[in-house]
Amino acid sequence: MKKMNNKVMIKAIIPSIDKVYDIKIPVNELAWKINKLIVKSIFDMNNIMYNIKTDNYVMINKETGRIYKNNEIIIDTDIRNGTEIIFLKEV
């Protein structure tokens, strides 16, 4: 089995603010933590209000349409270097 690095570079797509970022994420972390950290960081960088308790986003693989579950560990998903992830706000 090929050894995997402890981080992967993803393309984070945030349609609600029309922004795209290349971000390195740890593969041994839960999806919900990565989700919250990415969205909060991007909103902070753009001086946009974000309520971490009530604003929920889903992570969707742009190529496959797969929605990642909060309790999945990144390494156990199909997220690899270059994966494009769309962050859509839940309504």
N, C-alpha and C. Protein backbone atom coordinates (compact mmCIF):
# COMPACT_ATOMS: atom_id res chain seq x y z
N MET A 1 0.85 -1.18 0.00
CA MET A 1 0.00 0.00 0.00
C MET A 1 0.89 1.24 0.00
N LYS A 2 0.55 2.20 -0.85
CA LYS A 2 1.33 3.43 -0.97
C LYS A 2 1.09 4.32 0.25
N LYS A 3 2.19 4.86 0.79
CA LYS A 3 2.08 5.75 1.95
C LYS A 3 1.49 7.09 1.50
N MET A 4 0.54 7.57 2.27
CA MET A 4 -0.12 8.84 1.94
C MET A 4 0.45 9.94 2.83
N ASN A 5 0.63 11.13 2.28
CA ASN A 5 1.04 12.27 3.09
C ASN A 5 -0.02 12.56 4.13
N ASN A 6 0.35 13.32 5.15
CA ASN A 6 -0.63 13.61 6.20
C ASN A 6 -1.53 14.79 5.85
N LYS A 7 -1.30 15.41 4.70
CA LYS A 7 -2.16 16.50 4.23
C LYS A 7 -2.41 16.36 2.74
N VAL A 8 -3.55 16.87 2.30
CA VAL A 8 -3.87 16.92 0.88
C VAL A 8 -4.27 18.34 0.51
N MET A 9 -4.01 18.71 -0.73
CA MET A 9 -4.38 20.03 -1.24
C MET A 9 -5.71 19.90 -1.96
N ILE A 10 -6.71 20.64 -1.47
CA ILE A 10 -8.02 20.63 -2.12
C ILE A 10 -8.32 22.01 -2.69
N LYS A 11 -9.29 22.07 -3.56
CA LYS A 11 -9.81 23.34 -4.05
C LYS A 11 -11.16 23.55 -3.38
N ALA A 12 -11.23 24.56 -2.50
CA ALA A 12 -12.46 24.87 -1.78
C ALA A 12 -13.24 25.92 -2.56
N ILE A 13 -14.45 25.56 -2.97
CA ILE A 13 -15.30 26.44 -3.77
C ILE A 13 -16.45 26.90 -2.89
N ILE A 14 -16.58 28.24 -2.73
CA ILE A 14 -17.64 28.82 -1.90
C ILE A 14 -18.54 29.66 -2.80
N PRO A 15 -19.58 29.06 -3.40
CA PRO A 15 -20.43 29.79 -4.34
C PRO A 15 -21.13 31.00 -3.74
N SER A 16 -21.48 30.96 -2.45
CA SER A 16 -22.24 32.06 -1.85
C SER A 16 -21.47 33.38 -1.84
N ILE A 17 -20.14 33.30 -1.91
CA ILE A 17 -19.33 34.53 -1.96
C ILE A 17 -18.46 34.56 -3.22
N ASP A 18 -18.69 33.60 -4.12
CA ASP A 18 -17.98 33.53 -5.40
C ASP A 18 -16.46 33.51 -5.22
N LYS A 19 -15.97 32.62 -4.34
CA LYS A 19 -14.54 32.51 -4.06
C LYS A 19 -14.09 31.06 -4.19
N VAL A 20 -12.82 30.90 -4.60
CA VAL A 20 -12.20 29.58 -4.71
C VAL A 20 -10.80 29.68 -4.10
N TYR A 21 -10.45 28.71 -3.25
CA TYR A 21 -9.15 28.71 -2.59
C TYR A 21 -8.52 27.32 -2.67
N ASP A 22 -7.20 27.29 -2.82
CA ASP A 22 -6.44 26.05 -2.67
C ASP A 22 -6.04 25.97 -1.21
N ILE A 23 -6.41 24.87 -0.55
CA ILE A 23 -6.18 24.73 0.89
C ILE A 23 -5.63 23.34 1.19
N LYS A 24 -4.61 23.29 2.05
CA LYS A 24 -4.11 22.00 2.53
C LYS A 24 -4.88 21.62 3.78
N ILE A 25 -5.36 20.37 3.80
CA ILE A 25 -6.11 19.89 4.96
C ILE A 25 -5.49 18.60 5.48
N PRO A 26 -5.55 18.37 6.80
CA PRO A 26 -5.03 17.11 7.36
C PRO A 26 -5.96 15.95 7.03
N VAL A 27 -5.38 14.80 6.70
CA VAL A 27 -6.20 13.65 6.31
C VAL A 27 -6.73 12.87 7.51
N ASN A 28 -6.19 13.14 8.70
CA ASN A 28 -6.61 12.39 9.88
C ASN A 28 -7.64 13.15 10.71
N GLU A 29 -8.33 14.09 10.09
CA GLU A 29 -9.31 14.93 10.81
C GLU A 29 -10.72 14.60 10.33
N LEU A 30 -11.69 14.89 11.19
CA LEU A 30 -13.10 14.67 10.85
C LEU A 30 -13.59 15.74 9.87
N ALA A 31 -14.47 15.35 8.98
CA ALA A 31 -14.99 16.26 7.95
C ALA A 31 -15.65 17.49 8.56
N TRP A 32 -16.42 17.34 9.65
CA TRP A 32 -17.11 18.50 10.22
C TRP A 32 -16.12 19.54 10.74
N LYS A 33 -14.98 19.11 11.28
CA LYS A 33 -13.98 20.06 11.77
C LYS A 33 -13.34 20.82 10.61
N ILE A 34 -12.99 20.09 9.56
CA ILE A 34 -12.40 20.71 8.37
C ILE A 34 -13.40 21.71 7.78
N ASN A 35 -14.65 21.29 7.67
CA ASN A 35 -15.71 22.13 7.13
C ASN A 35 -15.80 23.45 7.90
N LYS A 36 -15.93 23.38 9.22
CA LYS A 36 -16.07 24.58 10.04
C LYS A 36 -14.84 25.48 9.93
N LEU A 37 -13.65 24.89 9.98
CA LEU A 37 -12.42 25.68 9.92
C LEU A 37 -12.26 26.40 8.59
N ILE A 38 -12.54 25.69 7.50
CA ILE A 38 -12.40 26.30 6.17
C ILE A 38 -13.40 27.44 5.99
N VAL A 39 -14.66 27.17 6.26
CA VAL A 39 -15.69 28.20 6.05
C VAL A 39 -15.43 29.41 6.94
N LYS A 40 -15.15 29.17 8.22
CA LYS A 40 -14.88 30.28 9.15
C LYS A 40 -13.67 31.10 8.68
N SER A 41 -12.60 30.43 8.29
CA SER A 41 -11.40 31.12 7.83
C SER A 41 -11.66 31.97 6.60
N ILE A 42 -12.35 31.40 5.63
CA ILE A 42 -12.63 32.13 4.39
C ILE A 42 -13.53 33.33 4.65
N PHE A 43 -14.54 33.16 5.48
CA PHE A 43 -15.41 34.28 5.79
C PHE A 43 -14.66 35.37 6.57
N ASP A 44 -13.80 34.97 7.49
CA ASP A 44 -12.98 35.94 8.23
C ASP A 44 -12.06 36.72 7.29
N MET A 45 -11.41 36.01 6.37
CA MET A 45 -10.50 36.67 5.42
C MET A 45 -11.22 37.68 4.55
N ASN A 46 -12.49 37.46 4.31
CA ASN A 46 -13.28 38.34 3.44
C ASN A 46 -14.17 39.30 4.22
N ASN A 47 -13.95 39.38 5.53
CA ASN A 47 -14.72 40.28 6.41
C ASN A 47 -16.23 40.10 6.26
N ILE A 48 -16.65 38.83 6.24
CA ILE A 48 -18.07 38.50 6.13
C ILE A 48 -18.51 37.85 7.44
N MET A 49 -19.65 38.27 7.94
CA MET A 49 -20.16 37.71 9.19
C MET A 49 -20.47 36.22 9.01
N TYR A 50 -20.08 35.42 9.99
CA TYR A 50 -20.32 33.99 9.97
C TYR A 50 -20.58 33.54 11.39
N ASN A 51 -21.71 32.89 11.62
CA ASN A 51 -22.04 32.37 12.94
C ASN A 51 -21.74 30.88 12.96
N ILE A 52 -20.65 30.50 13.62
CA ILE A 52 -20.19 29.12 13.62
C ILE A 52 -21.21 28.16 14.24
N LYS A 53 -22.11 28.67 15.09
CA LYS A 53 -23.11 27.81 15.73
C LYS A 53 -24.34 27.56 14.85
N THR A 54 -24.71 28.53 14.02
CA THR A 54 -25.95 28.37 13.25
C THR A 54 -25.75 28.26 11.75
N ASP A 55 -24.64 28.75 11.22
CA ASP A 55 -24.41 28.67 9.78
C ASP A 55 -23.74 27.33 9.45
N ASN A 56 -24.48 26.44 8.82
CA ASN A 56 -23.97 25.12 8.49
C ASN A 56 -23.79 24.97 6.99
N TYR A 57 -22.66 24.41 6.62
CA TYR A 57 -22.35 24.17 5.21
C TYR A 57 -22.13 22.69 4.99
N VAL A 58 -22.50 22.21 3.81
CA VAL A 58 -22.22 20.83 3.44
C VAL A 58 -21.06 20.83 2.47
N MET A 59 -20.26 19.77 2.55
CA MET A 59 -19.12 19.60 1.64
C MET A 59 -19.54 18.62 0.56
N ILE A 60 -19.42 19.05 -0.70
CA ILE A 60 -19.85 18.23 -1.83
C ILE A 60 -18.70 18.10 -2.82
N ASN A 61 -18.40 16.88 -3.24
CA ASN A 61 -17.38 16.64 -4.25
C ASN A 61 -17.91 17.14 -5.59
N LYS A 62 -17.22 18.09 -6.19
CA LYS A 62 -17.69 18.70 -7.44
C LYS A 62 -17.80 17.68 -8.57
N GLU A 63 -16.87 16.74 -8.62
CA GLU A 63 -16.84 15.77 -9.72
C GLU A 63 -17.89 14.67 -9.57
N THR A 64 -18.07 14.16 -8.33
CA THR A 64 -18.94 13.01 -8.14
C THR A 64 -20.29 13.36 -7.53
N GLY A 65 -20.41 14.55 -6.93
CA GLY A 65 -21.65 14.93 -6.26
C GLY A 65 -21.81 14.34 -4.88
N ARG A 66 -20.79 13.63 -4.42
CA ARG A 66 -20.85 13.00 -3.10
C ARG A 66 -20.90 14.07 -2.01
N ILE A 67 -21.82 13.88 -1.06
CA ILE A 67 -21.91 14.75 0.11
C ILE A 67 -21.21 14.02 1.26
N TYR A 68 -20.24 14.70 1.87
CA TYR A 68 -19.47 14.09 2.94
C TYR A 68 -20.20 14.20 4.27
N LYS A 69 -20.21 13.11 5.01
CA LYS A 69 -20.85 13.08 6.32
C LYS A 69 -19.90 13.69 7.35
N ASN A 70 -20.50 14.34 8.35
CA ASN A 70 -19.71 15.03 9.37
C ASN A 70 -18.73 14.14 10.11
N ASN A 71 -19.09 12.87 10.35
CA ASN A 71 -18.25 12.01 11.16
C ASN A 71 -17.23 11.20 10.35
N GLU A 72 -17.11 11.47 9.05
CA GLU A 72 -16.12 10.78 8.23
C GLU A 72 -14.73 11.38 8.45
N ILE A 73 -13.73 10.53 8.51
CA ILE A 73 -12.35 10.98 8.56
C ILE A 73 -11.89 11.17 7.11
N ILE A 74 -11.23 12.27 6.84
CA ILE A 74 -10.86 12.62 5.47
C ILE A 74 -10.15 11.48 4.74
N ILE A 75 -9.22 10.79 5.39
CA ILE A 75 -8.47 9.71 4.73
C ILE A 75 -9.38 8.55 4.29
N ASP A 76 -10.54 8.42 4.95
CA ASP A 76 -11.47 7.34 4.62
C ASP A 76 -12.45 7.73 3.51
N THR A 77 -12.29 8.94 2.96
CA THR A 77 -13.15 9.40 1.87
C THR A 77 -12.37 9.34 0.56
N ASP A 78 -12.97 9.87 -0.50
CA ASP A 78 -12.27 9.93 -1.79
C ASP A 78 -11.56 11.28 -1.98
N ILE A 79 -11.40 12.04 -0.92
CA ILE A 79 -10.72 13.33 -1.02
C ILE A 79 -9.21 13.09 -1.11
N ARG A 80 -8.64 13.56 -2.20
CA ARG A 80 -7.21 13.43 -2.46
C ARG A 80 -6.70 14.75 -3.01
N ASN A 81 -5.39 14.84 -3.28
CA ASN A 81 -4.83 16.05 -3.86
C ASN A 81 -5.60 16.44 -5.11
N GLY A 82 -6.00 17.70 -5.18
CA GLY A 82 -6.69 18.20 -6.35
C GLY A 82 -8.21 18.07 -6.33
N THR A 83 -8.75 17.40 -5.32
CA THR A 83 -10.21 17.25 -5.23
C THR A 83 -10.85 18.63 -5.06
N GLU A 84 -11.90 18.87 -5.83
CA GLU A 84 -12.63 20.13 -5.74
C GLU A 84 -13.87 19.91 -4.87
N ILE A 85 -13.94 20.67 -3.78
CA ILE A 85 -15.02 20.54 -2.83
C ILE A 85 -15.85 21.83 -2.83
N ILE A 86 -17.15 21.66 -3.05
CA ILE A 86 -18.07 22.81 -3.01
C ILE A 86 -18.66 22.87 -1.61
N PHE A 87 -18.63 24.06 -1.02
CA PHE A 87 -19.21 24.29 0.31
C PHE A 87 -20.52 25.06 0.11
N LEU A 88 -21.64 24.35 0.32
CA LEU A 88 -22.96 24.97 0.14
C LEU A 88 -23.64 25.12 1.49
N LYS A 89 -24.27 26.26 1.69
CA LYS A 89 -24.96 26.54 2.94
C LYS A 89 -26.24 25.72 3.01
N GLU A 90 -26.46 25.06 4.16
CA GLU A 90 -27.70 24.34 4.38
C GLU A 90 -28.82 25.33 4.64
N VAL A 91 -30.00 25.02 4.15
CA VAL A 91 -31.14 25.91 4.38
C VAL A 91 -32.14 25.27 5.29
